[in-house]
Amino acid sequence: MIIEVNGEKKQVDQQAILAEVITGWGYESALIAVAHNDEFVPRSRYAALQLQDGDRLEIVAPMQGG
């Protein structure tokens, strides 16, 4: 299935879970925030969130500086 991640289309498994996708992309230990279809997702829900075709994810990391 196809989802949108930070504005880019990505192919993921049909039964993709957010936690598995994040781990596969190398974010498992990173300090990130995730929005799923414009709604913030607490880290405690990553393992329960089943992704659907057409979903949108925004993955952001804190930036230093000012």
PDB file of N, CA and C in Angstrom:
ATOM      1  N   MET A   1       0.842  -1.176   0.000  1.00  0.00           N
ATOM      2  CA  MET A   1       0.000   0.000   0.000  1.00  0.00           C
ATOM      3  C   MET A   1       0.887   1.239   0.000  1.00  0.00           C
ATOM      4  N   ILE A   2       0.312   2.367  -0.349  1.00  0.00           N
ATOM      5  CA  ILE A   2       1.054   3.614  -0.447  1.00  0.00           C
ATOM      6  C   ILE A   2       0.590   4.566   0.657  1.00  0.00           C
ATOM      7  N   ILE A   3       1.561   5.131   1.391  1.00  0.00           N
ATOM      8  CA  ILE A   3       1.280   6.186   2.361  1.00  0.00           C
ATOM      9  C   ILE A   3       2.156   7.383   2.017  1.00  0.00           C
ATOM     10  N   GLU A   4       1.840   8.516   2.593  1.00  0.00           N
ATOM     11  CA  GLU A   4       2.626   9.722   2.382  1.00  0.00           C
ATOM     12  C   GLU A   4       3.387  10.035   3.664  1.00  0.00           C
ATOM     13  N   VAL A   5       4.712  10.199   3.534  1.00  0.00           N
ATOM     14  CA  VAL A   5       5.561  10.487   4.689  1.00  0.00           C
ATOM     15  C   VAL A   5       6.311  11.786   4.402  1.00  0.00           C
ATOM     16  N   ASN A   6       6.042  12.790   5.201  1.00  0.00           N
ATOM     17  CA  ASN A   6       6.662  14.102   5.021  1.00  0.00           C
ATOM     18  C   ASN A   6       6.552  14.575   3.571  1.00  0.00           C
ATOM     19  N   GLY A   7       5.383  14.350   2.984  1.00  0.00           N
ATOM     20  CA  GLY A   7       5.122  14.825   1.637  1.00  0.00           C
ATOM     21  C   GLY A   7       5.571  13.909   0.511  1.00  0.00           C
ATOM     22  N   GLU A   8       6.194  12.771   0.842  1.00  0.00           N
ATOM     23  CA  GLU A   8       6.670  11.829  -0.179  1.00  0.00           C
ATOM     24  C   GLU A   8       5.895  10.521  -0.094  1.00  0.00           C
ATOM     25  N   LYS A   9       5.549   9.969  -1.241  1.00  0.00           N
ATOM     26  CA  LYS A   9       4.849   8.677  -1.295  1.00  0.00           C
ATOM     27  C   LYS A   9       5.837   7.557  -0.979  1.00  0.00           C
ATOM     28  N   LYS A  10       5.393   6.618  -0.118  1.00  0.00           N
ATOM     29  CA  LYS A  10       6.227   5.465   0.238  1.00  0.00           C
ATOM     30  C   LYS A  10       5.370   4.203   0.190  1.00  0.00           C
ATOM     31  N   GLN A  11       5.999   3.124  -0.236  1.00  0.00           N
ATOM     32  CA  GLN A  11       5.356   1.807  -0.256  1.00  0.00           C
ATOM     33  C   GLN A  11       5.634   1.124   1.082  1.00  0.00           C
ATOM     34  N   VAL A  12       4.592   0.602   1.720  1.00  0.00           N
ATOM     35  CA  VAL A  12       4.748  -0.165   2.963  1.00  0.00           C
ATOM     36  C   VAL A  12       3.902  -1.431   2.855  1.00  0.00           C
ATOM     37  N   ASP A  13       4.180  -2.394   3.738  1.00  0.00           N
ATOM     38  CA  ASP A  13       3.414  -3.642   3.761  1.00  0.00           C
ATOM     39  C   ASP A  13       1.945  -3.366   4.044  1.00  0.00           C
ATOM     40  N   GLN A  14       1.093  -4.227   3.536  1.00  0.00           N
ATOM     41  CA  GLN A  14      -0.350  -4.084   3.704  1.00  0.00           C
ATOM     42  C   GLN A  14      -0.760  -4.051   5.179  1.00  0.00           C
ATOM     43  N   GLN A  15      -0.094  -4.811   6.027  1.00  0.00           N
ATOM     44  CA  GLN A  15      -0.440  -4.886   7.447  1.00  0.00           C
ATOM     45  C   GLN A  15       0.511  -4.045   8.306  1.00  0.00           C
ATOM     46  N   ALA A  16       1.004  -2.927   7.781  1.00  0.00           N
ATOM     47  CA  ALA A  16       2.023  -2.119   8.460  1.00  0.00           C
ATOM     48  C   ALA A  16       1.497  -1.500   9.750  1.00  0.00           C
ATOM     49  N   ILE A  17       2.342  -1.590  10.774  1.00  0.00           N
ATOM     50  CA  ILE A  17       2.096  -0.969  12.078  1.00  0.00           C
ATOM     51  C   ILE A  17       3.108   0.174  12.205  1.00  0.00           C
ATOM     52  N   LEU A  18       2.679   1.296  12.761  1.00  0.00           N
ATOM     53  CA  LEU A  18       3.549   2.466  12.844  1.00  0.00           C
ATOM     54  C   LEU A  18       4.892   2.144  13.495  1.00  0.00           C
ATOM     55  N   ALA A  19       4.901   1.431  14.615  1.00  0.00           N
ATOM     56  CA  ALA A  19       6.162   1.122  15.307  1.00  0.00           C
ATOM     57  C   ALA A  19       7.116   0.347  14.408  1.00  0.00           C
ATOM     58  N   GLU A  20       6.606  -0.607  13.640  1.00  0.00           N
ATOM     59  CA  GLU A  20       7.452  -1.410  12.753  1.00  0.00           C
ATOM     60  C   GLU A  20       8.019  -0.565  11.617  1.00  0.00           C
ATOM     61  N   VAL A  21       7.204   0.321  11.065  1.00  0.00           N
ATOM     62  CA  VAL A  21       7.642   1.186   9.976  1.00  0.00           C
ATOM     63  C   VAL A  21       8.739   2.130  10.464  1.00  0.00           C
ATOM     64  N   ILE A  22       8.534   2.720  11.627  1.00  0.00           N
ATOM     65  CA  ILE A  22       9.532   3.647  12.190  1.00  0.00           C
ATOM     66  C   ILE A  22      10.853   2.923  12.438  1.00  0.00           C
ATOM     67  N   THR A  23      10.782   1.718  12.976  1.00  0.00           N
ATOM     68  CA  THR A  23      11.994   0.937  13.213  1.00  0.00           C
ATOM     69  C   THR A  23      12.691   0.626  11.887  1.00  0.00           C
ATOM     70  N   GLY A  24      11.938   0.233  10.890  1.00  0.00           N
ATOM     71  CA  GLY A  24      12.499  -0.082   9.581  1.00  0.00           C
ATOM     72  C   GLY A  24      13.179   1.098   8.912  1.00  0.00           C
ATOM     73  N   TRP A  25      12.715   2.293   9.219  1.00  0.00           N
ATOM     74  CA  TRP A  25      13.316   3.499   8.644  1.00  0.00           C
ATOM     75  C   TRP A  25      14.452   4.058   9.502  1.00  0.00           C
ATOM     76  N   GLY A  26      14.793   3.365  10.618  1.00  0.00           N
ATOM     77  CA  GLY A  26      15.917   3.775  11.446  1.00  0.00           C
ATOM     78  C   GLY A  26      15.608   4.808  12.511  1.00  0.00           C
ATOM     79  N   TYR A  27      14.335   5.007  12.838  1.00  0.00           N
ATOM     80  CA  TYR A  27      13.940   6.009  13.829  1.00  0.00           C
ATOM     81  C   TYR A  27      13.716   5.443  15.237  1.00  0.00           C
ATOM     82  N   GLU A  28      13.927   4.143  15.443  1.00  0.00           N
ATOM     83  CA  GLU A  28      13.514   3.518  16.702  1.00  0.00           C
ATOM     84  C   GLU A  28      14.086   4.168  17.959  1.00  0.00           C
ATOM     85  N   SER A  29      15.292   4.688  17.909  1.00  0.00           N
ATOM     86  CA  SER A  29      15.865   5.309  19.111  1.00  0.00           C
ATOM     87  C   SER A  29      15.981   6.828  18.981  1.00  0.00           C
ATOM     88  N   ALA A  30      15.461   7.382  17.897  1.00  0.00           N
ATOM     89  CA  ALA A  30      15.548   8.827  17.666  1.00  0.00           C
ATOM     90  C   ALA A  30      14.470   9.574  18.452  1.00  0.00           C
ATOM     91  N   LEU A  31      14.776  10.797  18.801  1.00  0.00           N
ATOM     92  CA  LEU A  31      13.782  11.668  19.419  1.00  0.00           C
ATOM     93  C   LEU A  31      12.971  12.296  18.286  1.00  0.00           C
ATOM     94  N   ILE A  32      11.755  11.788  18.113  1.00  0.00           N
ATOM     95  CA  ILE A  32      10.902  12.268  17.030  1.00  0.00           C
ATOM     96  C   ILE A  32       9.489  12.493  17.554  1.00  0.00           C
ATOM     97  N   ALA A  33       8.723  13.223  16.787  1.00  0.00           N
ATOM     98  CA  ALA A  33       7.280  13.348  17.006  1.00  0.00           C
ATOM     99  C   ALA A  33       6.615  12.918  15.702  1.00  0.00           C
ATOM    100  N   VAL A  34       5.477  12.255  15.835  1.00  0.00           N
ATOM    101  CA  VAL A  34       4.777  11.747  14.655  1.00  0.00           C
ATOM    102  C   VAL A  34       3.335  12.244  14.667  1.00  0.00           C
ATOM    103  N   ALA A  35       2.896  12.730  13.511  1.00  0.00           N
ATOM    104  CA  ALA A  35       1.486  13.053  13.302  1.00  0.00           C
ATOM    105  C   ALA A  35       0.951  12.083  12.257  1.00  0.00           C
ATOM    106  N   HIS A  36      -0.198  11.523  12.539  1.00  0.00           N
ATOM    107  CA  HIS A  36      -0.865  10.578  11.637  1.00  0.00           C
ATOM    108  C   HIS A  36      -2.154  11.243  11.173  1.00  0.00           C
ATOM    109  N   ASN A  37      -2.237  11.523   9.881  1.00  0.00           N
ATOM    110  CA  ASN A  37      -3.402  12.221   9.329  1.00  0.00           C
ATOM    111  C   ASN A  37      -3.706  13.496  10.120  1.00  0.00           C
ATOM    112  N   ASP A  38      -2.654  14.274  10.370  1.00  0.00           N
ATOM    113  CA  ASP A  38      -2.722  15.579  11.035  1.00  0.00           C
ATOM    114  C   ASP A  38      -3.023  15.519  12.530  1.00  0.00           C
ATOM    115  N   GLU A  39      -2.893  14.347  13.143  1.00  0.00           N
ATOM    116  CA  GLU A  39      -3.153  14.206  14.573  1.00  0.00           C
ATOM    117  C   GLU A  39      -1.921  13.621  15.263  1.00  0.00           C
ATOM    118  N   PHE A  40      -1.436  14.295  16.318  1.00  0.00           N
ATOM    119  CA  PHE A  40      -0.271  13.828  17.063  1.00  0.00           C
ATOM    120  C   PHE A  40      -0.503  12.420  17.588  1.00  0.00           C
ATOM    121  N   VAL A  41       0.539  11.576  17.505  1.00  0.00           N
ATOM    122  CA  VAL A  41       0.470  10.207  18.009  1.00  0.00           C
ATOM    123  C   VAL A  41       1.469  10.060  19.151  1.00  0.00           C
ATOM    124  N   PRO A  42       1.007   9.794  20.371  1.00  0.00           N
ATOM    125  CA  PRO A  42       1.945   9.542  21.469  1.00  0.00           C
ATOM    126  C   PRO A  42       2.743   8.268  21.213  1.00  0.00           C
ATOM    127  N   ARG A  43       3.984   8.260  21.651  1.00  0.00           N
ATOM    128  CA  ARG A  43       4.849   7.097  21.452  1.00  0.00           C
ATOM    129  C   ARG A  43       4.201   5.813  21.982  1.00  0.00           C
ATOM    130  N   SER A  44       3.425   5.918  23.029  1.00  0.00           N
ATOM    131  CA  SER A  44       2.770   4.745  23.613  1.00  0.00           C
ATOM    132  C   SER A  44       1.759   4.097  22.664  1.00  0.00           C
ATOM    133  N   ARG A  45       1.345   4.789  21.610  1.00  0.00           N
ATOM    134  CA  ARG A  45       0.386   4.244  20.638  1.00  0.00           C
ATOM    135  C   ARG A  45       1.030   3.731  19.362  1.00  0.00           C
ATOM    136  N   TYR A  46       2.336   3.895  19.203  1.00  0.00           N
ATOM    137  CA  TYR A  46       3.003   3.481  17.955  1.00  0.00           C
ATOM    138  C   TYR A  46       2.763   2.008  17.639  1.00  0.00           C
ATOM    139  N   ALA A  47       2.822   1.137  18.652  1.00  0.00           N
ATOM    140  CA  ALA A  47       2.696  -0.308  18.426  1.00  0.00           C
ATOM    141  C   ALA A  47       1.264  -0.732  18.093  1.00  0.00           C
ATOM    142  N   ALA A  48       0.294   0.110  18.376  1.00  0.00           N
ATOM    143  CA  ALA A  48      -1.102  -0.245  18.132  1.00  0.00           C
ATOM    144  C   ALA A  48      -1.680   0.395  16.876  1.00  0.00           C
ATOM    145  N   LEU A  49      -0.962   1.325  16.274  1.00  0.00           N
ATOM    146  CA  LEU A  49      -1.512   2.070  15.142  1.00  0.00           C
ATOM    147  C   LEU A  49      -1.293   1.344  13.819  1.00  0.00           C
ATOM    148  N   GLN A  50      -2.363   0.785  13.284  1.00  0.00           N
ATOM    149  CA  GLN A  50      -2.349   0.093  11.990  1.00  0.00           C
ATOM    150  C   GLN A  50      -2.487   1.144  10.894  1.00  0.00           C
ATOM    151  N   LEU A  51      -1.544   1.167   9.979  1.00  0.00           N
ATOM    152  CA  LEU A  51      -1.596   2.128   8.881  1.00  0.00           C
ATOM    153  C   LEU A  51      -2.525   1.627   7.780  1.00  0.00           C
ATOM    154  N   GLN A  52      -3.140   2.575   7.091  1.00  0.00           N
ATOM    155  CA  GLN A  52      -4.070   2.271   6.001  1.00  0.00           C
ATOM    156  C   GLN A  52      -3.578   2.941   4.723  1.00  0.00           C
ATOM    157  N   ASP A  53      -3.957   2.381   3.594  1.00  0.00           N
ATOM    158  CA  ASP A  53      -3.604   2.958   2.305  1.00  0.00           C
ATOM    159  C   ASP A  53      -4.054   4.417   2.252  1.00  0.00           C
ATOM    160  N   GLY A  54      -3.154   5.299   1.845  1.00  0.00           N
ATOM    161  CA  GLY A  54      -3.478   6.718   1.727  1.00  0.00           C
ATOM    162  C   GLY A  54      -3.217   7.535   2.981  1.00  0.00           C
ATOM    163  N   ASP A  55      -2.824   6.887   4.088  1.00  0.00           N
ATOM    164  CA  ASP A  55      -2.528   7.632   5.316  1.00  0.00           C
ATOM    165  C   ASP A  55      -1.393   8.617   5.088  1.00  0.00           C
ATOM    166  N   ARG A  56      -1.376   9.665   5.920  1.00  0.00           N
ATOM    167  CA  ARG A  56      -0.307  10.666   5.870  1.00  0.00           C
ATOM    168  C   ARG A  56       0.415  10.692   7.209  1.00  0.00           C
ATOM    169  N   LEU A  57       1.739  10.618   7.155  1.00  0.00           N
ATOM    170  CA  LEU A  57       2.567  10.743   8.356  1.00  0.00           C
ATOM    171  C   LEU A  57       3.470  11.952   8.211  1.00  0.00           C
ATOM    172  N   GLU A  58       3.634  12.664   9.301  1.00  0.00           N
ATOM    173  CA  GLU A  58       4.649  13.712   9.394  1.00  0.00           C
ATOM    174  C   GLU A  58       5.561  13.277  10.532  1.00  0.00           C
ATOM    175  N   ILE A  59       6.839  13.131  10.239  1.00  0.00           N
ATOM    176  CA  ILE A  59       7.840  12.742  11.239  1.00  0.00           C
ATOM    177  C   ILE A  59       8.809  13.895  11.374  1.00  0.00           C
ATOM    178  N   VAL A  60       8.893  14.442  12.583  1.00  0.00           N
ATOM    179  CA  VAL A  60       9.771  15.580  12.818  1.00  0.00           C
ATOM    180  C   VAL A  60      10.685  15.300  13.998  1.00  0.00           C
ATOM    181  N   ALA A  61      11.868  15.896  13.947  1.00  0.00           N
ATOM    182  CA  ALA A  61      12.857  15.779  15.017  1.00  0.00           C
ATOM    183  C   ALA A  61      13.160  17.189  15.529  1.00  0.00           C
ATOM    184  N   PRO A  62      13.445  17.322  16.832  1.00  0.00           N
ATOM    185  CA  PRO A  62      13.773  18.639  17.355  1.00  0.00           C
ATOM    186  C   PRO A  62      15.077  19.161  16.729  1.00  0.00           C
ATOM    187  N   MET A  63      15.126  20.461  16.563  1.00  0.00           N
ATOM    188  CA  MET A  63      16.309  21.104  15.993  1.00  0.00           C
ATOM    189  C   MET A  63      16.966  21.979  17.049  1.00  0.00           C
ATOM    190  N   GLN A  64      18.289  22.044  17.018  1.00  0.00           N
ATOM    191  CA  GLN A  64      19.024  22.916  17.916  1.00  0.00           C
ATOM    192  C   GLN A  64      19.332  24.220  17.206  1.00  0.00           C
ATOM    193  N   GLY A  65      19.590  25.201  17.988  1.00  0.00           N
ATOM    194  CA  GLY A  65      19.969  26.491  17.398  1.00  0.00           C
ATOM    195  C   GLY A  65      18.846  27.493  17.558  1.00  0.00           C
ATOM    196  N   GLY A  66      19.028  28.603  16.955  1.00  0.00           N
ATOM    197  CA  GLY A  66      17.984  29.594  17.123  1.00  0.00           C
ATOM    198  C   GLY A  66      18.237  30.722  16.270  1.00  0.00           C
TER     199      GLY A  66
END
